[in-house]
Amino acid sequence: MKWLYKLKKKILFIILGTMSTDYAMAYQVAERVREDIAGFAFEKGTLNINVTVSIGIAVCPDDADSVRELISTADKALYKAKETGKNKVVGREFGI
Protein backbone atom coordinates (compact mmCIF):
# COMPACT_ATOMS: atom_id res chain seq x y z
CA MET A 1 0.00 0.00 0.00
CA LYS A 2 2.61 2.57 1.06
CA TRP A 3 6.34 2.68 0.68
CA LEU A 4 8.47 4.66 3.08
CA TYR A 5 11.86 5.96 2.05
CA LYS A 6 14.61 8.00 3.62
CA LEU A 7 15.52 10.63 1.07
CA LYS A 8 17.81 12.89 3.10
CA LYS A 9 18.73 13.20 6.74
CA LYS A 10 15.45 13.54 8.65
CA ILE A 11 13.39 13.63 5.45
CA LEU A 12 11.15 10.72 4.60
CA PHE A 13 8.65 10.29 1.85
CA ILE A 14 5.66 8.00 1.47
CA ILE A 15 4.38 6.76 -1.85
CA LEU A 16 0.72 5.83 -1.80
CA GLY A 17 0.59 2.85 -4.11
CA THR A 18 -2.84 3.20 -5.61
CA MET A 19 -3.81 4.62 -8.97
CA SER A 20 -6.85 6.31 -7.45
CA THR A 21 -4.89 8.51 -5.03
CA ASP A 22 -5.90 12.11 -5.51
CA TYR A 23 -4.88 15.29 -3.72
CA ALA A 24 -7.65 15.07 -1.13
CA MET A 25 -6.71 11.49 -0.22
CA ALA A 26 -3.00 12.33 -0.03
CA TYR A 27 -3.79 15.31 2.18
CA GLN A 28 -5.93 13.14 4.50
CA VAL A 29 -3.18 10.52 4.85
CA ALA A 30 -0.54 13.20 5.51
CA GLU A 31 -2.76 14.93 8.08
CA ARG A 32 -3.36 11.61 9.88
CA VAL A 33 0.39 10.97 10.00
CA ARG A 34 0.98 14.51 11.31
CA GLU A 35 -1.70 14.17 14.00
CA ASP A 36 -0.44 10.73 15.11
CA ILE A 37 3.13 11.97 15.45
CA ALA A 38 2.07 15.16 17.26
CA GLY A 39 -0.01 13.09 19.69
CA PHE A 40 2.90 10.90 20.73
CA ALA A 41 5.29 11.81 23.54
CA PHE A 42 8.64 10.11 24.00
CA GLU A 43 9.56 9.53 27.61
CA LYS A 44 13.15 9.51 28.79
CA GLY A 45 13.41 9.38 32.54
CA THR A 46 11.51 12.37 33.85
CA LEU A 47 11.45 14.09 30.45
CA ASN A 48 8.50 14.02 28.07
CA ILE A 49 9.55 14.94 24.55
CA ASN A 50 6.85 15.97 22.11
CA VAL A 51 7.61 15.65 18.42
CA THR A 52 5.96 17.38 15.47
CA VAL A 53 6.33 16.94 11.74
CA SER A 54 6.01 19.18 8.71
CA ILE A 55 4.75 17.46 5.56
CA GLY A 56 4.83 18.52 1.93
CA ILE A 57 2.60 16.70 -0.53
CA ALA A 58 2.47 16.37 -4.30
CA VAL A 59 0.35 14.12 -6.51
CA CYS A 60 1.28 12.66 -9.87
CA PRO A 61 0.32 13.56 -12.59
CA ASP A 62 -1.49 16.67 -11.29
CA ASP A 63 1.56 18.26 -9.63
CA ALA A 64 4.38 16.57 -11.56
CA ASP A 65 5.06 14.45 -14.64
CA SER A 66 8.07 12.50 -13.34
CA VAL A 67 9.32 10.99 -10.11
CA ARG A 68 12.09 13.58 -9.92
CA GLU A 69 9.61 16.45 -10.35
CA LEU A 70 7.19 14.86 -7.87
CA ILE A 71 9.88 14.64 -5.18
CA SER A 72 11.04 18.18 -5.93
CA THR A 73 7.49 19.55 -5.69
CA ALA A 74 6.82 17.73 -2.40
CA ASP A 75 10.18 18.95 -1.07
CA LYS A 76 9.28 22.57 -1.90
CA ALA A 77 5.95 22.10 -0.12
CA LEU A 78 7.77 20.65 2.90
CA TYR A 79 10.00 23.70 3.18
CA LYS A 80 6.96 25.98 2.79
CA ALA A 81 5.39 24.12 5.73
CA LYS A 82 8.51 24.75 7.80
CA GLU A 83 8.65 28.42 6.78
CA THR A 84 4.99 29.05 7.62
CA GLY A 85 4.84 27.64 11.12
CA LYS A 86 5.85 23.97 11.14
CA ASN A 87 3.67 21.04 12.33
CA LYS A 88 1.47 21.28 9.25
CA VAL A 89 0.69 19.73 5.90
CA VAL A 90 1.30 21.86 2.79
CA GLY A 91 0.68 21.25 -0.88
CA ARG A 92 -0.72 23.09 -3.84
CA GLU A 93 -2.82 25.47 -1.76
CA PHE A 94 0.41 27.44 -1.27
CA GLY A 95 1.10 27.67 -5.00
CA ILE A 96 3.78 25.02 -4.91
C-alpha atoms as a PDB file:
ATOM      1  CA  MET A   1       0.000   0.000   0.000  1.00  0.00           C
ATOM      2  CA  LYS A   2       2.606   2.566   1.057  1.00  0.00           C
ATOM      3  CA  TRP A   3       6.342   2.685   0.677  1.00  0.00           C
ATOM      4  CA  LEU A   4       8.474   4.662   3.081  1.00  0.00           C
ATOM      5  CA  TYR A   5      11.863   5.961   2.045  1.00  0.00           C
ATOM      6  CA  LYS A   6      14.613   8.005   3.624  1.00  0.00           C
ATOM      7  CA  LEU A   7      15.523  10.634   1.066  1.00  0.00           C
ATOM      8  CA  LYS A   8      17.811  12.888   3.098  1.00  0.00           C
ATOM      9  CA  LYS A   9      18.728  13.201   6.738  1.00  0.00           C
ATOM     10  CA  LYS A  10      15.446  13.545   8.652  1.00  0.00           C
ATOM     11  CA  ILE A  11      13.392  13.634   5.449  1.00  0.00           C
ATOM     12  CA  LEU A  12      11.145  10.723   4.596  1.00  0.00           C
ATOM     13  CA  PHE A  13       8.650  10.286   1.848  1.00  0.00           C
ATOM     14  CA  ILE A  14       5.660   7.999   1.467  1.00  0.00           C
ATOM     15  CA  ILE A  15       4.377   6.759  -1.852  1.00  0.00           C
ATOM     16  CA  LEU A  16       0.717   5.826  -1.797  1.00  0.00           C
ATOM     17  CA  GLY A  17       0.594   2.846  -4.110  1.00  0.00           C
ATOM     18  CA  THR A  18      -2.840   3.202  -5.610  1.00  0.00           C
ATOM     19  CA  MET A  19      -3.813   4.621  -8.969  1.00  0.00           C
ATOM     20  CA  SER A  20      -6.855   6.311  -7.446  1.00  0.00           C
ATOM     21  CA  THR A  21      -4.893   8.509  -5.034  1.00  0.00           C
ATOM     22  CA  ASP A  22      -5.901  12.114  -5.507  1.00  0.00           C
ATOM     23  CA  TYR A  23      -4.875  15.290  -3.723  1.00  0.00           C
ATOM     24  CA  ALA A  24      -7.654  15.069  -1.127  1.00  0.00           C
ATOM     25  CA  MET A  25      -6.710  11.490  -0.215  1.00  0.00           C
ATOM     26  CA  ALA A  26      -2.999  12.328  -0.034  1.00  0.00           C
ATOM     27  CA  TYR A  27      -3.791  15.311   2.184  1.00  0.00           C
ATOM     28  CA  GLN A  28      -5.929  13.136   4.504  1.00  0.00           C
ATOM     29  CA  VAL A  29      -3.183  10.524   4.849  1.00  0.00           C
ATOM     30  CA  ALA A  30      -0.544  13.199   5.509  1.00  0.00           C
ATOM     31  CA  GLU A  31      -2.760  14.929   8.076  1.00  0.00           C
ATOM     32  CA  ARG A  32      -3.359  11.613   9.879  1.00  0.00           C
ATOM     33  CA  VAL A  33       0.392  10.974  10.000  1.00  0.00           C
ATOM     34  CA  ARG A  34       0.980  14.511  11.314  1.00  0.00           C
ATOM     35  CA  GLU A  35      -1.696  14.168  14.005  1.00  0.00           C
ATOM     36  CA  ASP A  36      -0.440  10.734  15.106  1.00  0.00           C
ATOM     37  CA  ILE A  37       3.127  11.975  15.454  1.00  0.00           C
ATOM     38  CA  ALA A  38       2.068  15.164  17.257  1.00  0.00           C
ATOM     39  CA  GLY A  39      -0.014  13.085  19.685  1.00  0.00           C
ATOM     40  CA  PHE A  40       2.904  10.896  20.730  1.00  0.00           C
ATOM     41  CA  ALA A  41       5.294  11.810  23.536  1.00  0.00           C
ATOM     42  CA  PHE A  42       8.639  10.112  23.999  1.00  0.00           C
ATOM     43  CA  GLU A  43       9.560   9.532  27.607  1.00  0.00           C
ATOM     44  CA  LYS A  44      13.146   9.511  28.787  1.00  0.00           C
ATOM     45  CA  GLY A  45      13.407   9.378  32.543  1.00  0.00           C
ATOM     46  CA  THR A  46      11.506  12.375  33.845  1.00  0.00           C
ATOM     47  CA  LEU A  47      11.454  14.094  30.449  1.00  0.00           C
ATOM     48  CA  ASN A  48       8.505  14.022  28.067  1.00  0.00           C
ATOM     49  CA  ILE A  49       9.551  14.944  24.547  1.00  0.00           C
ATOM     50  CA  ASN A  50       6.845  15.974  22.110  1.00  0.00           C
ATOM     51  CA  VAL A  51       7.614  15.650  18.421  1.00  0.00           C
ATOM     52  CA  THR A  52       5.965  17.379  15.474  1.00  0.00           C
ATOM     53  CA  VAL A  53       6.326  16.938  11.742  1.00  0.00           C
ATOM     54  CA  SER A  54       6.010  19.176   8.708  1.00  0.00           C
ATOM     55  CA  ILE A  55       4.755  17.458   5.563  1.00  0.00           C
ATOM     56  CA  GLY A  56       4.834  18.525   1.929  1.00  0.00           C
ATOM     57  CA  ILE A  57       2.604  16.701  -0.530  1.00  0.00           C
ATOM     58  CA  ALA A  58       2.468  16.373  -4.302  1.00  0.00           C
ATOM     59  CA  VAL A  59       0.346  14.125  -6.509  1.00  0.00           C
ATOM     60  CA  CYS A  60       1.279  12.662  -9.872  1.00  0.00           C
ATOM     61  CA  PRO A  61       0.320  13.564 -12.585  1.00  0.00           C
ATOM     62  CA  ASP A  62      -1.492  16.670 -11.289  1.00  0.00           C
ATOM     63  CA  ASP A  63       1.558  18.257  -9.631  1.00  0.00           C
ATOM     64  CA  ALA A  64       4.380  16.569 -11.562  1.00  0.00           C
ATOM     65  CA  ASP A  65       5.064  14.451 -14.636  1.00  0.00           C
ATOM     66  CA  SER A  66       8.071  12.504 -13.343  1.00  0.00           C
ATOM     67  CA  VAL A  67       9.323  10.993 -10.109  1.00  0.00           C
ATOM     68  CA  ARG A  68      12.095  13.579  -9.920  1.00  0.00           C
ATOM     69  CA  GLU A  69       9.610  16.449 -10.354  1.00  0.00           C
ATOM     70  CA  LEU A  70       7.193  14.858  -7.868  1.00  0.00           C
ATOM     71  CA  ILE A  71       9.876  14.637  -5.179  1.00  0.00           C
ATOM     72  CA  SER A  72      11.044  18.181  -5.928  1.00  0.00           C
ATOM     73  CA  THR A  73       7.488  19.550  -5.685  1.00  0.00           C
ATOM     74  CA  ALA A  74       6.823  17.731  -2.401  1.00  0.00           C
ATOM     75  CA  ASP A  75      10.181  18.948  -1.069  1.00  0.00           C
ATOM     76  CA  LYS A  76       9.285  22.570  -1.898  1.00  0.00           C
ATOM     77  CA  ALA A  77       5.950  22.103  -0.123  1.00  0.00           C
ATOM     78  CA  LEU A  78       7.767  20.646   2.903  1.00  0.00           C
ATOM     79  CA  TYR A  79      10.002  23.701   3.179  1.00  0.00           C
ATOM     80  CA  LYS A  80       6.963  25.976   2.785  1.00  0.00           C
ATOM     81  CA  ALA A  81       5.386  24.116   5.734  1.00  0.00           C
ATOM     82  CA  LYS A  82       8.506  24.748   7.801  1.00  0.00           C
ATOM     83  CA  GLU A  83       8.645  28.420   6.778  1.00  0.00           C
ATOM     84  CA  THR A  84       4.987  29.049   7.624  1.00  0.00           C
ATOM     85  CA  GLY A  85       4.842  27.645  11.124  1.00  0.00           C
ATOM     86  CA  LYS A  86       5.849  23.969  11.143  1.00  0.00           C
ATOM     87  CA  ASN A  87       3.674  21.045  12.331  1.00  0.00           C
ATOM     88  CA  LYS A  88       1.469  21.275   9.254  1.00  0.00           C
ATOM     89  CA  VAL A  89       0.690  19.727   5.895  1.00  0.00           C
ATOM     90  CA  VAL A  90       1.302  21.865   2.793  1.00  0.00           C
ATOM     91  CA  GLY A  91       0.679  21.249  -0.876  1.00  0.00           C
ATOM     92  CA  ARG A  92      -0.715  23.087  -3.842  1.00  0.00           C
ATOM     93  CA  GLU A  93      -2.823  25.469  -1.760  1.00  0.00           C
ATOM     94  CA  PHE A  94       0.407  27.444  -1.269  1.00  0.00           C
ATOM     95  CA  GLY A  95       1.101  27.668  -5.000  1.00  0.00           C
ATOM     96  CA  ILE A  96       3.779  25.016  -4.907  1.00  0.00           C
END
